[in-house]
N, C-alpha and C. Protein backbone atom coordinates (compact mmCIF):
# COMPACT_ATOMS: atom_id res chain seq x y z
N MET A 1 -6.81 6.78 9.11
CA MET A 1 -5.53 7.37 9.41
C MET A 1 -5.73 8.85 9.66
N CYS A 2 -5.57 9.25 10.91
CA CYS A 2 -5.82 10.66 11.23
C CYS A 2 -4.79 11.18 12.23
N GLY A 3 -3.52 10.97 11.90
CA GLY A 3 -2.48 11.41 12.81
C GLY A 3 -1.47 12.36 12.22
N GLY A 4 -1.72 12.83 11.00
CA GLY A 4 -0.76 13.71 10.32
C GLY A 4 -0.75 15.12 10.87
N ARG A 5 0.36 15.79 10.66
CA ARG A 5 0.53 17.16 11.16
C ARG A 5 -0.26 18.19 10.38
N GLY A 6 -0.44 17.97 9.09
CA GLY A 6 -1.17 18.94 8.28
C GLY A 6 -0.44 20.23 8.04
N THR A 7 0.89 20.20 7.98
CA THR A 7 1.66 21.43 7.83
C THR A 7 1.38 22.15 6.52
N ARG A 8 1.10 21.41 5.44
CA ARG A 8 0.83 22.05 4.15
C ARG A 8 -0.52 22.77 4.16
N LEU A 9 -1.43 22.31 5.00
CA LEU A 9 -2.75 22.93 5.08
C LEU A 9 -2.66 24.28 5.78
N ASP A 10 -1.73 24.39 6.74
CA ASP A 10 -1.44 25.66 7.41
C ASP A 10 -2.69 26.33 7.99
N VAL A 11 -3.38 25.61 8.88
CA VAL A 11 -4.54 26.15 9.57
C VAL A 11 -4.35 25.96 11.07
N PRO A 12 -5.06 26.73 11.89
CA PRO A 12 -4.87 26.65 13.34
C PRO A 12 -5.66 25.51 14.01
N VAL A 13 -6.01 24.49 13.26
CA VAL A 13 -6.73 23.34 13.79
C VAL A 13 -6.04 22.09 13.28
N GLU A 14 -6.12 21.00 14.04
CA GLU A 14 -5.54 19.75 13.57
C GLU A 14 -6.18 19.36 12.24
N LYS A 15 -5.38 18.83 11.35
CA LYS A 15 -5.86 18.53 10.00
C LYS A 15 -7.14 17.70 9.97
N PRO A 16 -7.27 16.61 10.75
CA PRO A 16 -8.52 15.84 10.67
C PRO A 16 -9.76 16.63 11.10
N LEU A 17 -9.56 17.67 11.89
CA LEU A 17 -10.68 18.48 12.37
C LEU A 17 -11.00 19.66 11.44
N TYR A 18 -10.22 19.81 10.38
CA TYR A 18 -10.48 20.86 9.39
C TYR A 18 -11.88 20.64 8.82
N ARG A 19 -12.64 21.72 8.74
CA ARG A 19 -14.04 21.61 8.30
C ARG A 19 -14.19 21.80 6.80
N VAL A 20 -14.94 20.90 6.22
CA VAL A 20 -15.35 20.99 4.82
C VAL A 20 -16.87 21.01 4.83
N ALA A 21 -17.45 22.06 4.26
CA ALA A 21 -18.90 22.23 4.24
C ALA A 21 -19.49 22.08 5.64
N GLY A 22 -18.79 22.69 6.63
CA GLY A 22 -19.32 22.76 7.98
C GLY A 22 -19.04 21.56 8.88
N ARG A 23 -18.37 20.52 8.37
CA ARG A 23 -18.12 19.32 9.19
C ARG A 23 -16.64 18.95 9.15
N PRO A 24 -16.11 18.50 10.29
CA PRO A 24 -14.73 18.04 10.29
C PRO A 24 -14.53 16.89 9.29
N MET A 25 -13.40 16.91 8.59
CA MET A 25 -13.13 15.87 7.60
C MET A 25 -13.18 14.48 8.22
N VAL A 26 -12.62 14.33 9.42
CA VAL A 26 -12.58 13.01 10.04
C VAL A 26 -13.99 12.47 10.31
N ASP A 27 -14.92 13.34 10.63
CA ASP A 27 -16.31 12.91 10.85
C ASP A 27 -16.94 12.45 9.55
N ARG A 28 -16.65 13.15 8.47
CA ARG A 28 -17.18 12.76 7.16
C ARG A 28 -16.67 11.38 6.75
N VAL A 29 -15.36 11.17 6.93
CA VAL A 29 -14.76 9.88 6.57
C VAL A 29 -15.31 8.78 7.48
N HIS A 30 -15.42 9.06 8.76
CA HIS A 30 -15.96 8.06 9.70
C HIS A 30 -17.37 7.66 9.30
N ASP A 31 -18.20 8.62 8.96
CA ASP A 31 -19.58 8.31 8.56
C ASP A 31 -19.62 7.44 7.31
N ALA A 32 -18.75 7.74 6.35
CA ALA A 32 -18.71 6.93 5.12
C ALA A 32 -18.29 5.50 5.44
N LEU A 33 -17.31 5.34 6.31
CA LEU A 33 -16.85 4.00 6.65
C LEU A 33 -17.89 3.23 7.45
N THR A 34 -18.53 3.88 8.42
CA THR A 34 -19.53 3.16 9.23
C THR A 34 -20.77 2.82 8.42
N GLY A 35 -21.05 3.56 7.37
CA GLY A 35 -22.19 3.26 6.52
C GLY A 35 -21.89 2.23 5.45
N SER A 36 -20.64 1.79 5.39
CA SER A 36 -20.23 0.82 4.37
C SER A 36 -20.31 -0.60 4.92
N GLU A 37 -19.83 -1.53 4.13
CA GLU A 37 -19.85 -2.93 4.52
C GLU A 37 -18.74 -3.32 5.49
N VAL A 38 -17.82 -2.41 5.82
CA VAL A 38 -16.74 -2.78 6.74
C VAL A 38 -17.33 -3.12 8.11
N ASP A 39 -16.69 -4.08 8.77
CA ASP A 39 -17.22 -4.58 10.04
C ASP A 39 -17.08 -3.61 11.20
N SER A 40 -15.95 -2.93 11.27
CA SER A 40 -15.71 -1.99 12.37
C SER A 40 -14.75 -0.91 11.89
N VAL A 41 -14.74 0.19 12.60
CA VAL A 41 -13.89 1.32 12.25
C VAL A 41 -13.01 1.65 13.46
N VAL A 42 -11.72 1.78 13.20
CA VAL A 42 -10.74 2.16 14.22
C VAL A 42 -9.97 3.36 13.68
N ALA A 43 -9.89 4.40 14.45
CA ALA A 43 -9.17 5.61 14.03
C ALA A 43 -7.74 5.56 14.56
N ALA A 44 -6.78 5.75 13.68
CA ALA A 44 -5.37 5.77 14.05
C ALA A 44 -4.94 7.22 14.26
N VAL A 45 -4.65 7.57 15.50
CA VAL A 45 -4.24 8.93 15.85
C VAL A 45 -2.77 8.91 16.23
N SER A 46 -2.21 10.09 16.46
CA SER A 46 -0.80 10.18 16.85
C SER A 46 -0.63 11.30 17.86
N PRO A 47 0.58 11.46 18.38
CA PRO A 47 0.83 12.59 19.30
C PRO A 47 0.57 13.95 18.66
N HIS A 48 0.50 14.01 17.32
CA HIS A 48 0.25 15.26 16.62
C HIS A 48 -1.23 15.64 16.59
N THR A 49 -2.12 14.71 16.97
CA THR A 49 -3.56 14.97 16.85
C THR A 49 -4.31 14.65 18.16
N PRO A 50 -3.90 15.25 19.29
CA PRO A 50 -4.58 14.94 20.55
C PRO A 50 -6.04 15.40 20.59
N GLU A 51 -6.35 16.54 19.96
CA GLU A 51 -7.74 17.02 19.95
C GLU A 51 -8.61 16.11 19.09
N THR A 52 -8.05 15.60 18.01
CA THR A 52 -8.79 14.65 17.17
C THR A 52 -9.08 13.39 17.97
N ALA A 53 -8.09 12.89 18.69
CA ALA A 53 -8.27 11.69 19.51
C ALA A 53 -9.38 11.90 20.54
N THR A 54 -9.36 13.05 21.19
CA THR A 54 -10.39 13.36 22.19
C THR A 54 -11.77 13.43 21.54
N SER A 55 -11.87 14.11 20.43
CA SER A 55 -13.15 14.25 19.72
C SER A 55 -13.70 12.89 19.31
N LEU A 56 -12.83 12.04 18.77
CA LEU A 56 -13.28 10.71 18.33
C LEU A 56 -13.71 9.86 19.51
N ARG A 57 -12.93 9.88 20.57
CA ARG A 57 -13.30 9.09 21.76
C ARG A 57 -14.64 9.57 22.33
N GLU A 58 -14.87 10.89 22.33
CA GLU A 58 -16.15 11.42 22.81
C GLU A 58 -17.32 10.95 21.95
N ARG A 59 -17.06 10.69 20.66
CA ARG A 59 -18.09 10.17 19.75
C ARG A 59 -18.24 8.66 19.86
N GLY A 60 -17.41 8.03 20.68
CA GLY A 60 -17.49 6.59 20.85
C GLY A 60 -16.73 5.80 19.79
N VAL A 61 -15.81 6.46 19.08
CA VAL A 61 -15.03 5.81 18.04
C VAL A 61 -13.84 5.10 18.69
N ALA A 62 -13.58 3.87 18.28
CA ALA A 62 -12.40 3.14 18.74
C ALA A 62 -11.16 3.84 18.19
N VAL A 63 -10.15 4.02 19.04
CA VAL A 63 -8.95 4.75 18.66
C VAL A 63 -7.73 3.90 18.97
N VAL A 64 -6.76 3.90 18.06
CA VAL A 64 -5.46 3.29 18.29
C VAL A 64 -4.40 4.37 18.18
N ASP A 65 -3.48 4.39 19.15
CA ASP A 65 -2.42 5.38 19.14
C ASP A 65 -1.25 4.87 18.30
N THR A 66 -0.72 5.75 17.45
CA THR A 66 0.45 5.43 16.64
C THR A 66 1.58 6.37 17.04
N PRO A 67 2.82 6.07 16.63
CA PRO A 67 3.95 6.89 17.09
C PRO A 67 4.05 8.28 16.48
N GLY A 68 3.36 8.55 15.37
CA GLY A 68 3.48 9.87 14.75
C GLY A 68 4.78 10.06 14.02
N GLU A 69 5.33 8.97 13.47
CA GLU A 69 6.62 9.01 12.78
C GLU A 69 6.47 9.02 11.27
N GLY A 70 5.29 9.33 10.77
CA GLY A 70 5.05 9.36 9.33
C GLY A 70 3.97 8.36 8.95
N TYR A 71 3.44 8.55 7.75
CA TYR A 71 2.30 7.75 7.31
C TYR A 71 2.59 6.25 7.33
N VAL A 72 3.72 5.84 6.77
CA VAL A 72 4.00 4.40 6.67
C VAL A 72 4.18 3.78 8.06
N ALA A 73 4.95 4.43 8.91
CA ALA A 73 5.15 3.90 10.27
C ALA A 73 3.84 3.85 11.04
N ASP A 74 3.03 4.89 10.91
CA ASP A 74 1.75 4.92 11.61
C ASP A 74 0.79 3.88 11.04
N LEU A 75 0.80 3.71 9.72
CA LEU A 75 -0.04 2.69 9.10
C LEU A 75 0.36 1.30 9.57
N ASP A 76 1.66 1.03 9.61
CA ASP A 76 2.14 -0.27 10.10
C ASP A 76 1.70 -0.50 11.55
N ALA A 77 1.81 0.53 12.38
CA ALA A 77 1.39 0.41 13.78
C ALA A 77 -0.10 0.12 13.87
N ALA A 78 -0.89 0.81 13.09
CA ALA A 78 -2.35 0.59 13.11
C ALA A 78 -2.69 -0.80 12.61
N LEU A 79 -2.07 -1.20 11.48
CA LEU A 79 -2.37 -2.51 10.91
C LEU A 79 -1.98 -3.66 11.84
N SER A 80 -0.99 -3.44 12.68
CA SER A 80 -0.57 -4.49 13.61
C SER A 80 -1.65 -4.82 14.63
N THR A 81 -2.64 -3.95 14.76
CA THR A 81 -3.73 -4.18 15.72
C THR A 81 -4.99 -4.75 15.06
N LEU A 82 -4.96 -4.90 13.73
CA LEU A 82 -6.16 -5.29 12.99
C LEU A 82 -6.00 -6.63 12.30
N SER A 83 -7.13 -7.30 12.07
CA SER A 83 -7.11 -8.51 11.25
C SER A 83 -7.17 -8.08 9.79
N ARG A 84 -6.81 -8.99 8.90
CA ARG A 84 -6.78 -8.70 7.48
C ARG A 84 -7.79 -9.54 6.74
N PRO A 85 -8.31 -9.08 5.65
CA PRO A 85 -8.02 -7.79 5.03
C PRO A 85 -8.62 -6.63 5.83
N ALA A 86 -8.00 -5.49 5.70
CA ALA A 86 -8.46 -4.28 6.37
C ALA A 86 -8.56 -3.15 5.35
N VAL A 87 -9.58 -2.35 5.49
CA VAL A 87 -9.72 -1.15 4.67
C VAL A 87 -9.01 -0.04 5.42
N THR A 88 -8.13 0.67 4.73
CA THR A 88 -7.47 1.83 5.33
C THR A 88 -7.88 3.07 4.55
N CYS A 89 -7.98 4.17 5.27
CA CYS A 89 -8.41 5.42 4.64
C CYS A 89 -7.82 6.59 5.39
N VAL A 90 -7.41 7.58 4.66
CA VAL A 90 -6.89 8.81 5.25
C VAL A 90 -8.05 9.73 5.64
N ALA A 91 -7.81 10.56 6.64
CA ALA A 91 -8.85 11.46 7.12
C ALA A 91 -9.04 12.68 6.24
N ASP A 92 -8.15 12.86 5.25
CA ASP A 92 -8.27 14.05 4.40
C ASP A 92 -8.99 13.77 3.09
N LEU A 93 -9.89 12.80 3.10
CA LEU A 93 -10.69 12.41 1.94
C LEU A 93 -12.16 12.71 2.25
N PRO A 94 -12.52 13.99 2.41
CA PRO A 94 -13.82 14.36 2.98
C PRO A 94 -15.04 14.09 2.10
N LEU A 95 -14.85 13.76 0.84
CA LEU A 95 -16.00 13.51 -0.04
C LEU A 95 -16.27 12.02 -0.19
N LEU A 96 -15.56 11.20 0.56
CA LEU A 96 -15.74 9.75 0.52
C LEU A 96 -17.19 9.38 0.80
N SER A 97 -17.67 8.36 0.11
CA SER A 97 -19.02 7.85 0.37
C SER A 97 -18.95 6.38 0.71
N SER A 98 -19.97 5.90 1.40
CA SER A 98 -20.07 4.48 1.73
C SER A 98 -20.09 3.63 0.47
N ALA A 99 -20.78 4.11 -0.55
CA ALA A 99 -20.87 3.36 -1.81
C ALA A 99 -19.49 3.17 -2.44
N LEU A 100 -18.64 4.19 -2.37
CA LEU A 100 -17.29 4.06 -2.93
C LEU A 100 -16.43 3.10 -2.10
N VAL A 101 -16.60 3.11 -0.80
CA VAL A 101 -15.89 2.13 0.04
C VAL A 101 -16.31 0.73 -0.36
N ASP A 102 -17.61 0.53 -0.53
CA ASP A 102 -18.11 -0.80 -0.93
C ASP A 102 -17.60 -1.20 -2.31
N GLU A 103 -17.52 -0.25 -3.24
CA GLU A 103 -16.98 -0.55 -4.57
C GLU A 103 -15.52 -0.98 -4.48
N ALA A 104 -14.75 -0.32 -3.63
CA ALA A 104 -13.35 -0.69 -3.45
C ALA A 104 -13.23 -2.09 -2.84
N CYS A 105 -14.08 -2.40 -1.89
CA CYS A 105 -14.08 -3.74 -1.29
C CYS A 105 -14.42 -4.80 -2.33
N GLU A 106 -15.39 -4.51 -3.17
CA GLU A 106 -15.77 -5.44 -4.23
C GLU A 106 -14.63 -5.61 -5.23
N ALA A 107 -13.98 -4.51 -5.58
CA ALA A 107 -12.84 -4.59 -6.50
C ALA A 107 -11.73 -5.44 -5.89
N ALA A 108 -11.51 -5.32 -4.58
CA ALA A 108 -10.49 -6.11 -3.91
C ALA A 108 -10.85 -7.59 -3.93
N ARG A 109 -12.11 -7.90 -3.72
CA ARG A 109 -12.54 -9.31 -3.77
C ARG A 109 -12.33 -9.91 -5.16
N ASN A 110 -12.48 -9.10 -6.20
CA ASN A 110 -12.36 -9.57 -7.58
C ASN A 110 -10.94 -9.49 -8.13
N ALA A 111 -10.03 -8.90 -7.39
CA ALA A 111 -8.66 -8.71 -7.87
C ALA A 111 -7.84 -9.99 -7.67
N ALA A 112 -6.83 -10.11 -8.47
CA ALA A 112 -5.91 -11.25 -8.34
C ALA A 112 -4.92 -11.01 -7.20
N ALA A 113 -4.81 -9.79 -6.71
CA ALA A 113 -3.85 -9.43 -5.68
C ALA A 113 -4.49 -9.53 -4.29
N ASP A 114 -3.63 -9.60 -3.26
CA ASP A 114 -4.09 -9.66 -1.87
C ASP A 114 -4.50 -8.29 -1.34
N SER A 115 -3.85 -7.25 -1.85
CA SER A 115 -4.09 -5.89 -1.40
C SER A 115 -4.40 -5.02 -2.60
N LEU A 116 -5.07 -3.91 -2.34
CA LEU A 116 -5.50 -3.06 -3.44
C LEU A 116 -5.30 -1.59 -3.09
N THR A 117 -4.61 -0.88 -3.97
CA THR A 117 -4.49 0.57 -3.87
C THR A 117 -5.56 1.18 -4.76
N VAL A 118 -6.34 2.09 -4.23
CA VAL A 118 -7.35 2.77 -5.02
C VAL A 118 -6.70 4.05 -5.56
N ALA A 119 -6.76 4.23 -6.87
CA ALA A 119 -6.11 5.37 -7.50
C ALA A 119 -7.07 6.06 -8.47
N VAL A 120 -6.76 7.31 -8.75
CA VAL A 120 -7.50 8.08 -9.76
C VAL A 120 -6.48 8.59 -10.77
N PRO A 121 -6.92 8.89 -12.00
CA PRO A 121 -6.00 9.51 -12.95
C PRO A 121 -5.52 10.86 -12.39
N ALA A 122 -4.21 11.09 -12.47
CA ALA A 122 -3.65 12.34 -11.95
C ALA A 122 -4.24 13.54 -12.68
N ASP A 123 -4.57 13.37 -13.97
CA ASP A 123 -5.14 14.50 -14.70
C ASP A 123 -6.53 14.86 -14.18
N LEU A 124 -7.26 13.92 -13.58
CA LEU A 124 -8.55 14.24 -12.97
C LEU A 124 -8.33 15.21 -11.81
N LYS A 125 -7.34 14.93 -10.98
CA LYS A 125 -7.03 15.83 -9.86
C LYS A 125 -6.68 17.22 -10.38
N ARG A 126 -5.88 17.26 -11.44
CA ARG A 126 -5.48 18.56 -11.99
C ARG A 126 -6.68 19.31 -12.56
N ARG A 127 -7.57 18.59 -13.25
CA ARG A 127 -8.77 19.24 -13.81
C ARG A 127 -9.65 19.79 -12.70
N LEU A 128 -9.70 19.10 -11.57
CA LEU A 128 -10.50 19.58 -10.44
C LEU A 128 -9.83 20.73 -9.71
N GLY A 129 -8.53 20.91 -9.94
CA GLY A 129 -7.81 22.00 -9.29
C GLY A 129 -7.26 21.65 -7.92
N VAL A 130 -7.04 20.35 -7.67
CA VAL A 130 -6.47 19.93 -6.39
C VAL A 130 -5.04 19.44 -6.60
N SER A 131 -4.28 19.43 -5.52
CA SER A 131 -2.87 19.08 -5.59
C SER A 131 -2.65 17.60 -5.91
N VAL A 132 -1.56 17.35 -6.61
CA VAL A 132 -1.10 15.99 -6.89
C VAL A 132 0.25 15.88 -6.21
N ASP A 133 0.26 15.32 -5.00
CA ASP A 133 1.51 15.24 -4.24
C ASP A 133 2.29 13.97 -4.53
N THR A 134 1.60 12.92 -4.90
CA THR A 134 2.23 11.64 -5.19
C THR A 134 1.55 11.05 -6.42
N SER A 135 2.36 10.52 -7.33
CA SER A 135 1.78 9.84 -8.48
C SER A 135 2.71 8.70 -8.88
N PHE A 136 2.18 7.80 -9.69
CA PHE A 136 2.96 6.69 -10.21
C PHE A 136 2.39 6.32 -11.57
N ARG A 137 3.17 5.57 -12.33
CA ARG A 137 2.74 5.17 -13.67
C ARG A 137 2.30 3.71 -13.62
N GLU A 138 1.17 3.46 -14.24
CA GLU A 138 0.63 2.10 -14.32
C GLU A 138 -0.15 2.01 -15.62
N GLY A 139 0.16 1.02 -16.43
CA GLY A 139 -0.55 0.85 -17.69
C GLY A 139 -0.47 2.06 -18.60
N GLY A 140 0.66 2.76 -18.58
CA GLY A 140 0.85 3.91 -19.44
C GLY A 140 0.17 5.18 -18.97
N ARG A 141 -0.44 5.16 -17.77
CA ARG A 141 -1.14 6.35 -17.26
C ARG A 141 -0.48 6.83 -15.98
N GLU A 142 -0.55 8.13 -15.76
CA GLU A 142 -0.12 8.69 -14.49
C GLU A 142 -1.31 8.62 -13.53
N LEU A 143 -1.11 7.93 -12.42
CA LEU A 143 -2.17 7.75 -11.43
C LEU A 143 -1.76 8.36 -10.10
N ALA A 144 -2.75 8.72 -9.30
CA ALA A 144 -2.51 9.26 -7.97
C ALA A 144 -3.26 8.39 -6.96
N PRO A 145 -2.58 7.93 -5.92
CA PRO A 145 -3.29 7.17 -4.88
C PRO A 145 -4.29 8.07 -4.16
N THR A 146 -5.41 7.49 -3.79
CA THR A 146 -6.47 8.28 -3.14
C THR A 146 -6.34 8.33 -1.62
N GLY A 147 -5.67 7.34 -1.05
CA GLY A 147 -5.63 7.22 0.41
C GLY A 147 -6.62 6.19 0.91
N LEU A 148 -7.38 5.58 0.01
CA LEU A 148 -8.28 4.48 0.35
C LEU A 148 -7.62 3.21 -0.19
N ASN A 149 -7.47 2.21 0.67
CA ASN A 149 -6.80 0.96 0.29
C ASN A 149 -7.48 -0.21 0.96
N VAL A 150 -7.28 -1.38 0.39
CA VAL A 150 -7.65 -2.63 1.05
C VAL A 150 -6.34 -3.39 1.23
N VAL A 151 -6.00 -3.68 2.48
CA VAL A 151 -4.73 -4.32 2.79
C VAL A 151 -4.99 -5.75 3.25
N GLY A 152 -4.44 -6.68 2.48
CA GLY A 152 -4.56 -8.09 2.81
C GLY A 152 -3.19 -8.67 3.03
N GLY A 153 -2.56 -9.09 1.95
CA GLY A 153 -1.23 -9.67 2.02
C GLY A 153 -0.21 -8.81 1.32
N ASP A 154 0.86 -9.47 0.87
CA ASP A 154 1.98 -8.74 0.26
C ASP A 154 1.80 -8.42 -1.21
N GLU A 155 0.97 -9.18 -1.90
CA GLU A 155 0.80 -8.96 -3.34
C GLU A 155 -0.23 -7.86 -3.58
N GLY A 156 0.21 -6.78 -4.22
CA GLY A 156 -0.66 -5.62 -4.38
C GLY A 156 -1.13 -5.40 -5.80
N GLY A 157 -2.30 -4.82 -5.93
CA GLY A 157 -2.86 -4.44 -7.20
C GLY A 157 -3.37 -3.01 -7.13
N VAL A 158 -3.86 -2.51 -8.24
CA VAL A 158 -4.37 -1.15 -8.31
C VAL A 158 -5.77 -1.18 -8.92
N TRP A 159 -6.69 -0.47 -8.30
CA TRP A 159 -8.02 -0.27 -8.86
C TRP A 159 -8.13 1.21 -9.22
N VAL A 160 -8.40 1.49 -10.47
CA VAL A 160 -8.47 2.87 -10.95
C VAL A 160 -9.93 3.26 -11.11
N THR A 161 -10.27 4.40 -10.56
CA THR A 161 -11.61 4.95 -10.67
C THR A 161 -11.52 6.42 -11.06
N SER A 162 -12.55 6.92 -11.69
CA SER A 162 -12.61 8.34 -12.04
C SER A 162 -13.61 9.08 -11.16
N ALA A 163 -13.89 8.54 -9.98
CA ALA A 163 -14.82 9.17 -9.05
C ALA A 163 -14.21 10.45 -8.47
N ALA A 164 -14.83 11.58 -8.76
CA ALA A 164 -14.32 12.87 -8.25
C ALA A 164 -14.24 12.87 -6.73
N ARG A 165 -15.15 12.18 -6.07
CA ARG A 165 -15.15 12.14 -4.60
C ARG A 165 -13.84 11.57 -4.06
N LEU A 166 -13.19 10.69 -4.83
CA LEU A 166 -11.94 10.08 -4.38
C LEU A 166 -10.71 10.85 -4.84
N ALA A 167 -10.90 11.85 -5.65
CA ALA A 167 -9.78 12.61 -6.19
C ALA A 167 -9.39 13.80 -5.32
N VAL A 168 -10.19 14.11 -4.32
CA VAL A 168 -9.94 15.32 -3.53
C VAL A 168 -9.44 14.97 -2.13
N ASN A 169 -8.11 15.04 -1.98
CA ASN A 169 -7.47 14.96 -0.67
C ASN A 169 -7.17 16.39 -0.26
N VAL A 170 -7.52 16.75 0.95
CA VAL A 170 -7.31 18.12 1.40
C VAL A 170 -5.95 18.22 2.09
N ASN A 171 -4.96 18.72 1.34
CA ASN A 171 -3.61 18.91 1.86
C ASN A 171 -3.21 20.38 1.93
N ARG A 172 -3.90 21.21 1.17
CA ARG A 172 -3.58 22.64 1.08
C ARG A 172 -4.88 23.44 1.14
N PRO A 173 -4.79 24.73 1.45
CA PRO A 173 -6.01 25.55 1.49
C PRO A 173 -6.80 25.50 0.19
N THR A 174 -6.13 25.47 -0.95
CA THR A 174 -6.87 25.42 -2.23
C THR A 174 -7.63 24.10 -2.36
N ASP A 175 -7.06 23.00 -1.84
CA ASP A 175 -7.77 21.72 -1.85
C ASP A 175 -9.03 21.80 -1.00
N GLY A 176 -8.93 22.48 0.13
CA GLY A 176 -10.09 22.65 1.01
C GLY A 176 -11.20 23.44 0.33
N ALA A 177 -10.81 24.46 -0.42
CA ALA A 177 -11.81 25.26 -1.14
C ALA A 177 -12.51 24.42 -2.20
N VAL A 178 -11.74 23.62 -2.94
CA VAL A 178 -12.34 22.75 -3.95
C VAL A 178 -13.26 21.72 -3.28
N ALA A 179 -12.83 21.15 -2.16
CA ALA A 179 -13.66 20.16 -1.46
C ALA A 179 -14.98 20.78 -1.02
N GLY A 180 -14.93 22.00 -0.49
CA GLY A 180 -16.17 22.67 -0.08
C GLY A 180 -17.08 22.94 -1.25
N TRP A 181 -16.50 23.40 -2.35
CA TRP A 181 -17.28 23.68 -3.56
C TRP A 181 -17.93 22.40 -4.07
N LEU A 182 -17.15 21.31 -4.16
CA LEU A 182 -17.70 20.05 -4.66
C LEU A 182 -18.73 19.47 -3.70
N ALA A 183 -18.48 19.59 -2.40
CA ALA A 183 -19.46 19.08 -1.42
C ALA A 183 -20.82 19.73 -1.61
N ALA A 184 -20.81 21.03 -1.88
CA ALA A 184 -22.08 21.75 -2.12
C ALA A 184 -22.76 21.27 -3.39
N ARG A 185 -21.97 20.98 -4.42
CA ARG A 185 -22.54 20.55 -5.71
C ARG A 185 -22.93 19.09 -5.75
N LEU A 186 -22.14 18.25 -5.07
CA LEU A 186 -22.42 16.83 -5.10
C LEU A 186 -23.48 16.42 -4.08
N GLY A 187 -23.66 17.26 -3.06
CA GLY A 187 -24.63 16.92 -2.00
C GLY A 187 -24.09 15.84 -1.11
N GLN A 188 -24.95 15.33 -0.25
CA GLN A 188 -24.56 14.26 0.66
C GLN A 188 -24.27 13.00 -0.14
N PRO A 189 -23.22 12.27 0.24
CA PRO A 189 -22.94 11.02 -0.49
C PRO A 189 -24.06 10.03 -0.31
N LYS A 190 -24.30 9.27 -1.36
CA LYS A 190 -25.32 8.22 -1.29
C LYS A 190 -24.76 7.07 -0.48
N GLU A 191 -25.55 6.57 0.43
CA GLU A 191 -25.11 5.45 1.30
C GLU A 191 -25.29 4.20 0.60
């Protein structure tokens, strides 16, 4: 999912093209997905991200156009073109690794639900110094969705992980600074 406006990030580049440790976030996410067990990768762009669409097409990435009417509408449009189950991921998760994608897929296979939301404890995000824009309560804990999901059917479950790589969504300049700092300390993700 790489069609958001990125207004909270407030930078002169489209959000998916925002650089973390010298690389556009969308390229980092694409590399993690292509190195994982997923069969194919399709990037969902919108009218808000024409430069991202061009960049991805130049890299040979399959692209689907969405209406740019918000995350849910764009996700529905993208999912309508895919078979299920499908792994969905936001472009602002620059520390994602192939191994974490594979762990989420394995958790989905082992879950009683058709679909799986990957979440981290909200306090992990706070300890890392990144924004918590959305949270929900599950099992007595405050959790934050990561933007990585496995979508199958209507019955949903939650997989909770404490992986710092999944706790950093870059929505604001401070999130970008934390992502760059962590990228330097964590090194390249293990494939």
